[in-house]
Amino acid sequence: ANNNGNISVEMSPINKDDHIVGNPNAKIIIVE
């Protein structure tokens, strides 16, 4: 893993239209 070292990925930022489950204040978000 990169241990919080940013990797070169251009991804649409998480926004209000996304479908999210789990703790909304979680430190880690997995976008699938």
All heavy atoms as atom14 arrays in JSON, in Angstrom:
{
  "sequence": "ANNNGNISVEMSPINKDDHIVGNPNAKIIIVE",
  "atom14_mask": [
    [1, 1, 1, 1, 1, 0, 0, 0, 0, 0, 0, 0, 0, 0],
    [1, 1, 1, 1, 1, 1, 1, 1, 0, 0, 0, 0, 0, 0],
    [1, 1, 1, 1, 1, 1, 1, 1, 0, 0, 0, 0, 0, 0],
    [1, 1, 1, 1, 1, 1, 1, 1, 0, 0, 0, 0, 0, 0],
    [1, 1, 1, 1, 0, 0, 0, 0, 0, 0, 0, 0, 0, 0],
    [1, 1, 1, 1, 1, 1, 1, 1, 0, 0, 0, 0, 0, 0],
    [1, 1, 1, 1, 1, 1, 1, 1, 0, 0, 0, 0, 0, 0],
    [1, 1, 1, 1, 1, 1, 0, 0, 0, 0, 0, 0, 0, 0],
    [1, 1, 1, 1, 1, 1, 1, 0, 0, 0, 0, 0, 0, 0],
    [1, 1, 1, 1, 1, 1, 1, 1, 1, 0, 0, 0, 0, 0],
    [1, 1, 1, 1, 1, 1, 1, 1, 0, 0, 0, 0, 0, 0],
    [1, 1, 1, 1, 1, 1, 0, 0, 0, 0, 0, 0, 0, 0],
    [1, 1, 1, 1, 1, 1, 1, 0, 0, 0, 0, 0, 0, 0],
    [1, 1, 1, 1, 1, 1, 1, 1, 0, 0, 0, 0, 0, 0],
    [1, 1, 1, 1, 1, 1, 1, 1, 0, 0, 0, 0, 0, 0],
    [1, 1, 1, 1, 1, 1, 1, 1, 1, 0, 0, 0, 0, 0],
    [1, 1, 1, 1, 1, 1, 1, 1, 0, 0, 0, 0, 0, 0],
    [1, 1, 1, 1, 1, 1, 1, 1, 0, 0, 0, 0, 0, 0],
    [1, 1, 1, 1, 1, 1, 1, 1, 1, 1, 0, 0, 0, 0],
    [1, 1, 1, 1, 1, 1, 1, 1, 0, 0, 0, 0, 0, 0],
    [1, 1, 1, 1, 1, 1, 1, 0, 0, 0, 0, 0, 0, 0],
    [1, 1, 1, 1, 0, 0, 0, 0, 0, 0, 0, 0, 0, 0],
    [1, 1, 1, 1, 1, 1, 1, 1, 0, 0, 0, 0, 0, 0],
    [1, 1, 1, 1, 1, 1, 1, 0, 0, 0, 0, 0, 0, 0],
    [1, 1, 1, 1, 1, 1, 1, 1, 0, 0, 0, 0, 0, 0],
    [1, 1, 1, 1, 1, 0, 0, 0, 0, 0, 0, 0, 0, 0],
    [1, 1, 1, 1, 1, 1, 1, 1, 1, 0, 0, 0, 0, 0],
    [1, 1, 1, 1, 1, 1, 1, 1, 0, 0, 0, 0, 0, 0],
    [1, 1, 1, 1, 1, 1, 1, 1, 0, 0, 0, 0, 0, 0],
    [1, 1, 1, 1, 1, 1, 1, 1, 0, 0, 0, 0, 0, 0],
    [1, 1, 1, 1, 1, 1, 1, 0, 0, 0, 0, 0, 0, 0],
    [1, 1, 1, 1, 1, 1, 1, 1, 1, 0, 0, 0, 0, 0]
  ],
  "atom14_positions": [
    [[0.84, -1.19, 0.0], [0.0, 0.0, 0.0], [0.88, 1.24, 0.0], [2.06, 1.2, 0.34], [-0.91, -0.01, 1.22], [0.0, 0.0, 0.0], [0.0, 0.0, 0.0], [0.0, 0.0, 0.0], [0.0, 0.0, 0.0], [0.0, 0.0, 0.0], [0.0, 0.0, 0.0], [0.0, 0.0, 0.0], [0.0, 0.0, 0.0], [0.0, 0.0, 0.0]],
    [[0.26, 2.37, -0.34], [1.03, 3.6, -0.45], [1.11, 4.37, 0.86], [1.75, 5.41, 0.92], [0.43, 4.5, -1.54], [0.73, 3.97, -2.92], [1.79, 4.19, -3.45], [-0.2, 3.23, -3.5], [0.0, 0.0, 0.0], [0.0, 0.0, 0.0], [0.0, 0.0, 0.0], [0.0, 0.0, 0.0], [0.0, 0.0, 0.0], [0.0, 0.0, 0.0]],
    [[0.41, 3.88, 1.89], [0.49, 4.51, 3.2], [0.25, 6.02, 3.14], [1.04, 6.83, 3.65], [1.86, 4.24, 3.84], [2.05, 2.77, 4.14], [1.11, 2.07, 4.49], [3.28, 2.29, 3.98], [0.0, 0.0, 0.0], [0.0, 0.0, 0.0], [0.0, 0.0, 0.0], [0.0, 0.0, 0.0], [0.0, 0.0, 0.0], [0.0, 0.0, 0.0]],
    [[-0.86, 6.39, 2.49], [-1.28, 7.78, 2.38], [-0.39, 8.61, 1.46], [-0.5, 9.83, 1.44], [-1.36, 8.46, 3.74], [-2.63, 8.07, 4.48], [-3.37, 7.2, 4.04], [-2.88, 8.71, 5.6], [0.0, 0.0, 0.0], [0.0, 0.0, 0.0], [0.0, 0.0, 0.0], [0.0, 0.0, 0.0], [0.0, 0.0, 0.0], [0.0, 0.0, 0.0]],
    [[0.5, 7.97, 0.71], [1.22, 8.69, -0.32], [0.32, 8.76, -1.54], [-0.12, 7.73, -2.04], [0.0, 0.0, 0.0], [0.0, 0.0, 0.0], [0.0, 0.0, 0.0], [0.0, 0.0, 0.0], [0.0, 0.0, 0.0], [0.0, 0.0, 0.0], [0.0, 0.0, 0.0], [0.0, 0.0, 0.0], [0.0, 0.0, 0.0], [0.0, 0.0, 0.0]],
    [[-0.03, 9.95, -2.0], [-0.98, 10.07, -3.1], [-0.44, 9.38, -4.34], [0.74, 9.47, -4.67], [-1.23, 11.56, -3.41], [-1.82, 12.28, -2.23], [-2.41, 11.66, -1.35], [-1.65, 13.59, -2.19], [0.0, 0.0, 0.0], [0.0, 0.0, 0.0], [0.0, 0.0, 0.0], [0.0, 0.0, 0.0], [0.0, 0.0, 0.0], [0.0, 0.0, 0.0]],
    [[-1.31, 8.66, -5.05], [-0.92, 8.02, -6.29], [-1.54, 8.79, -7.44], [-2.45, 9.6, -7.26], [-1.34, 6.53, -6.32], [-2.86, 6.39, -6.23], [-0.66, 5.77, -5.2], [-3.33, 4.96, -6.3], [0.0, 0.0, 0.0], [0.0, 0.0, 0.0], [0.0, 0.0, 0.0], [0.0, 0.0, 0.0], [0.0, 0.0, 0.0], [0.0, 0.0, 0.0]],
    [[-1.02, 8.57, -8.63], [-1.43, 9.36, -9.78], [-2.74, 8.81, -10.36], [-2.73, 8.02, -11.3], [-0.32, 9.33, -10.84], [-0.69, 10.11, -11.95], [0.0, 0.0, 0.0], [0.0, 0.0, 0.0], [0.0, 0.0, 0.0], [0.0, 0.0, 0.0], [0.0, 0.0, 0.0], [0.0, 0.0, 0.0], [0.0, 0.0, 0.0], [0.0, 0.0, 0.0]],
    [[-3.84, 9.25, -9.77], [-5.17, 8.85, -10.23], [-6.05, 10.08, -10.29], [-6.18, 10.81, -9.3], [-5.81, 7.8, -9.31], [-7.27, 7.55, -9.7], [-5.04, 6.49, -9.34], [0.0, 0.0, 0.0], [0.0, 0.0, 0.0], [0.0, 0.0, 0.0], [0.0, 0.0, 0.0], [0.0, 0.0, 0.0], [0.0, 0.0, 0.0], [0.0, 0.0, 0.0]],
    [[-6.64, 10.32, -11.44], [-7.63, 11.39, -11.57], [-9.0, 10.77, -11.39], [-9.45, 10.01, -12.24], [-7.54, 12.05, -12.94], [-6.38, 12.99, -13.12], [-6.5, 13.76, -14.43], [-7.38, 14.64, -14.51], [-5.75, 13.45, -15.36], [0.0, 0.0, 0.0], [0.0, 0.0, 0.0], [0.0, 0.0, 0.0], [0.0, 0.0, 0.0], [0.0, 0.0, 0.0]],
    [[-9.64, 11.07, -10.28], [-10.96, 10.5, -10.02], [-11.93, 11.58, -9.61], [-11.55, 12.52, -8.89], [-10.86, 9.44, -8.91], [-12.11, 8.59, -8.78], [-11.99, 7.39, -7.43], [-12.08, 8.49, -6.01], [0.0, 0.0, 0.0], [0.0, 0.0, 0.0], [0.0, 0.0, 0.0], [0.0, 0.0, 0.0], [0.0, 0.0, 0.0], [0.0, 0.0, 0.0]],
    [[-13.17, 11.45, -10.07], [-14.18, 12.43, -9.7], [-14.31, 12.48, -8.18], [-14.39, 11.43, -7.54], [-15.53, 12.05, -10.31], [-15.43, 11.92, -11.71], [0.0, 0.0, 0.0], [0.0, 0.0, 0.0], [0.0, 0.0, 0.0], [0.0, 0.0, 0.0], [0.0, 0.0, 0.0], [0.0, 0.0, 0.0], [0.0, 0.0, 0.0], [0.0, 0.0, 0.0]],
    [[-14.31, 13.67, -7.59], [-14.4, 13.76, -6.12], [-15.73, 13.22, -5.61], [-16.74, 13.26, -6.3], [-14.26, 15.26, -5.85], [-14.62, 15.93, -7.14], [-14.22, 14.99, -8.23], [0.0, 0.0, 0.0], [0.0, 0.0, 0.0], [0.0, 0.0, 0.0], [0.0, 0.0, 0.0], [0.0, 0.0, 0.0], [0.0, 0.0, 0.0], [0.0, 0.0, 0.0]],
    [[-15.71, 12.71, -4.41], [-16.93, 12.21, -3.76], [-17.86, 13.39, -3.52], [-17.44, 14.45, -3.04], [-16.57, 11.5, -2.45], [-15.68, 10.29, -2.74], [-17.82, 11.06, -1.7], [-14.98, 9.73, -1.53], [0.0, 0.0, 0.0], [0.0, 0.0, 0.0], [0.0, 0.0, 0.0], [0.0, 0.0, 0.0], [0.0, 0.0, 0.0], [0.0, 0.0, 0.0]],
    [[-19.14, 13.23, -3.86], [-20.08, 14.35, -3.74], [-21.43, 13.86, -3.24], [-21.63, 12.67, -2.99], [-20.21, 15.05, -5.09], [-20.69, 14.12, -6.18], [-21.84, 13.67, -6.17], [-19.82, 13.78, -7.13], [0.0, 0.0, 0.0], [0.0, 0.0, 0.0], [0.0, 0.0, 0.0], [0.0, 0.0, 0.0], [0.0, 0.0, 0.0], [0.0, 0.0, 0.0]],
    [[-22.38, 14.78, -3.12], [-23.69, 14.48, -2.54], [-24.51, 13.5, -3.38], [-25.46, 12.89, -2.88], [-24.49, 15.77, -2.34], [-24.8, 16.51, -3.63], [-25.58, 17.78, -3.37], [-25.87, 18.54, -4.66], [-26.63, 17.77, -5.64], [0.0, 0.0, 0.0], [0.0, 0.0, 0.0], [0.0, 0.0, 0.0], [0.0, 0.0, 0.0], [0.0, 0.0, 0.0]],
    [[-24.17, 13.35, -4.65], [-24.91, 12.43, -5.52], [-24.4, 10.99, -5.43], [-25.0, 10.09, -6.0], [-24.83, 12.9, -6.98], [-25.57, 14.22, -7.2], [-26.6, 14.42, -6.54], [-25.1, 15.03, -8.02], [0.0, 0.0, 0.0], [0.0, 0.0, 0.0], [0.0, 0.0, 0.0], [0.0, 0.0, 0.0], [0.0, 0.0, 0.0], [0.0, 0.0, 0.0]],
    [[-23.3, 10.8, -4.72], [-22.76, 9.45, -4.57], [-23.59, 8.64, -3.58], [-24.23, 9.19, -2.68], [-21.31, 9.51, -4.07], [-20.3, 9.69, -5.19], [-20.41, 8.97, -6.2], [-19.41, 10.54, -5.06], [0.0, 0.0, 0.0], [0.0, 0.0, 0.0], [0.0, 0.0, 0.0], [0.0, 0.0, 0.0], [0.0, 0.0, 0.0], [0.0, 0.0, 0.0]],
    [[-23.54, 7.33, -3.74], [-24.23, 6.41, -2.83], [-23.2, 5.85, -1.85], [-22.28, 5.14, -2.24], [-24.89, 5.28, -3.62], [-25.89, 5.77, -4.62], [-27.05, 6.43, -4.27], [-25.88, 5.74, -5.98], [-27.73, 6.75, -5.35], [-27.04, 6.35, -6.4], [0.0, 0.0, 0.0], [0.0, 0.0, 0.0], [0.0, 0.0, 0.0], [0.0, 0.0, 0.0]],
    [[-23.38, 6.2, -0.59], [-22.4, 5.85, 0.42], [-23.07, 5.07, 1.55], [-24.22, 5.34, 1.91], [-21.69, 7.12, 0.97], [-20.53, 6.74, 1.89], [-22.66, 8.04, 1.64], [-19.61, 7.92, 2.21], [0.0, 0.0, 0.0], [0.0, 0.0, 0.0], [0.0, 0.0, 0.0], [0.0, 0.0, 0.0], [0.0, 0.0, 0.0], [0.0, 0.0, 0.0]],
    [[-22.35, 4.08, 2.08], [-22.84, 3.31, 3.2], [-21.7, 3.18, 4.2], [-20.53, 3.2, 3.83], [-23.35, 1.92, 2.76], [-22.22, 1.03, 2.28], [-24.14, 1.22, 3.85], [0.0, 0.0, 0.0], [0.0, 0.0, 0.0], [0.0, 0.0, 0.0], [0.0, 0.0, 0.0], [0.0, 0.0, 0.0], [0.0, 0.0, 0.0], [0.0, 0.0, 0.0]],
    [[-22.06, 3.05, 5.48], [-21.05, 3.02, 6.53], [-20.98, 4.37, 7.22], [-21.83, 5.24, 7.02], [0.0, 0.0, 0.0], [0.0, 0.0, 0.0], [0.0, 0.0, 0.0], [0.0, 0.0, 0.0], [0.0, 0.0, 0.0], [0.0, 0.0, 0.0], [0.0, 0.0, 0.0], [0.0, 0.0, 0.0], [0.0, 0.0, 0.0], [0.0, 0.0, 0.0]],
    [[-19.99, 4.57, 8.03], [-19.81, 5.8, 8.78], [-19.5, 6.96, 7.84], [-18.46, 6.98, 7.2], [-18.66, 5.6, 9.78], [-18.38, 6.85, 10.59], [-19.11, 7.83, 10.53], [-17.3, 6.81, 11.36], [0.0, 0.0, 0.0], [0.0, 0.0, 0.0], [0.0, 0.0, 0.0], [0.0, 0.0, 0.0], [0.0, 0.0, 0.0], [0.0, 0.0, 0.0]],
    [[-20.41, 7.95, 7.75], [-20.18, 9.07, 6.82], [-18.98, 9.92, 7.21], [-18.47, 10.68, 6.39], [-21.49, 9.87, 6.89], [-22.07, 9.52, 8.22], [-21.68, 8.1, 8.49], [0.0, 0.0, 0.0], [0.0, 0.0, 0.0], [0.0, 0.0, 0.0], [0.0, 0.0, 0.0], [0.0, 0.0, 0.0], [0.0, 0.0, 0.0], [0.0, 0.0, 0.0]],
    [[-18.54, 9.8, 8.47], [-17.38, 10.56, 8.94], [-16.12, 9.68, 8.98], [-15.14, 10.05, 9.63], [-17.66, 11.14, 10.32], [-18.83, 12.09, 10.32], [-18.95, 12.95, 9.45], [-19.73, 11.94, 11.29], [0.0, 0.0, 0.0], [0.0, 0.0, 0.0], [0.0, 0.0, 0.0], [0.0, 0.0, 0.0], [0.0, 0.0, 0.0], [0.0, 0.0, 0.0]],
    [[-16.17, 8.55, 8.33], [-15.04, 7.62, 8.36], [-13.79, 8.26, 7.75], [-13.87, 9.06, 6.81], [-15.39, 6.35, 7.6], [0.0, 0.0, 0.0], [0.0, 0.0, 0.0], [0.0, 0.0, 0.0], [0.0, 0.0, 0.0], [0.0, 0.0, 0.0], [0.0, 0.0, 0.0], [0.0, 0.0, 0.0], [0.0, 0.0, 0.0], [0.0, 0.0, 0.0]],
    [[-12.64, 7.87, 8.3], [-11.37, 8.37, 7.78], [-11.11, 7.86, 6.38], [-10.58, 8.58, 5.52], [-10.24, 7.94, 8.72], [-8.85, 8.28, 8.2], [-7.77, 7.73, 9.11], [-6.37, 8.0, 8.53], [-5.3, 7.45, 9.38], [0.0, 0.0, 0.0], [0.0, 0.0, 0.0], [0.0, 0.0, 0.0], [0.0, 0.0, 0.0], [0.0, 0.0, 0.0]],
    [[-11.47, 6.61, 6.14], [-11.16, 5.96, 4.87], [-12.44, 5.72, 4.08], [-13.43, 5.22, 4.63], [-10.46, 4.61, 5.11], [-9.15, 4.8, 5.87], [-10.21, 3.87, 3.79], [-8.52, 3.5, 6.35], [0.0, 0.0, 0.0], [0.0, 0.0, 0.0], [0.0, 0.0, 0.0], [0.0, 0.0, 0.0], [0.0, 0.0, 0.0], [0.0, 0.0, 0.0]],
    [[-12.43, 6.07, 2.82], [-13.57, 5.8, 1.95], [-13.08, 4.95, 0.78], [-12.09, 5.29, 0.13], [-14.2, 7.1, 1.43], [-14.73, 7.94, 2.59], [-15.35, 6.79, 0.46], [-15.31, 9.28, 2.19], [0.0, 0.0, 0.0], [0.0, 0.0, 0.0], [0.0, 0.0, 0.0], [0.0, 0.0, 0.0], [0.0, 0.0, 0.0], [0.0, 0.0, 0.0]],
    [[-13.77, 3.85, 0.55], [-13.46, 3.01, -0.6], [-14.47, 3.29, -1.69], [-15.68, 3.12, -1.49], [-13.48, 1.52, -0.22], [-12.4, 1.22, 0.82], [-13.27, 0.65, -1.47], [-12.4, -0.22, 1.31], [0.0, 0.0, 0.0], [0.0, 0.0, 0.0], [0.0, 0.0, 0.0], [0.0, 0.0, 0.0], [0.0, 0.0, 0.0], [0.0, 0.0, 0.0]],
    [[-14.01, 3.76, -2.83], [-14.87, 4.05, -3.97], [-14.75, 2.88, -4.94], [-13.68, 2.62, -5.48], [-14.47, 5.36, -4.66], [-15.37, 5.62, -5.87], [-14.55, 6.53, -3.68], [0.0, 0.0, 0.0], [0.0, 0.0, 0.0], [0.0, 0.0, 0.0], [0.0, 0.0, 0.0], [0.0, 0.0, 0.0], [0.0, 0.0, 0.0], [0.0, 0.0, 0.0]],
    [[-15.87, 2.19, -5.15], [-15.87, 1.02, -6.03], [-16.63, 1.31, -7.32], [-17.74, 1.84, -7.3], [-16.53, -0.17, -5.33], [-16.59, -1.41, -6.21], [-17.56, -2.47, -5.71], [-18.27, -2.21, -4.72], [-17.63, -3.54, -6.33], [0.0, 0.0, 0.0], [0.0, 0.0, 0.0], [0.0, 0.0, 0.0], [0.0, 0.0, 0.0], [0.0, 0.0, 0.0]]
  ]
}
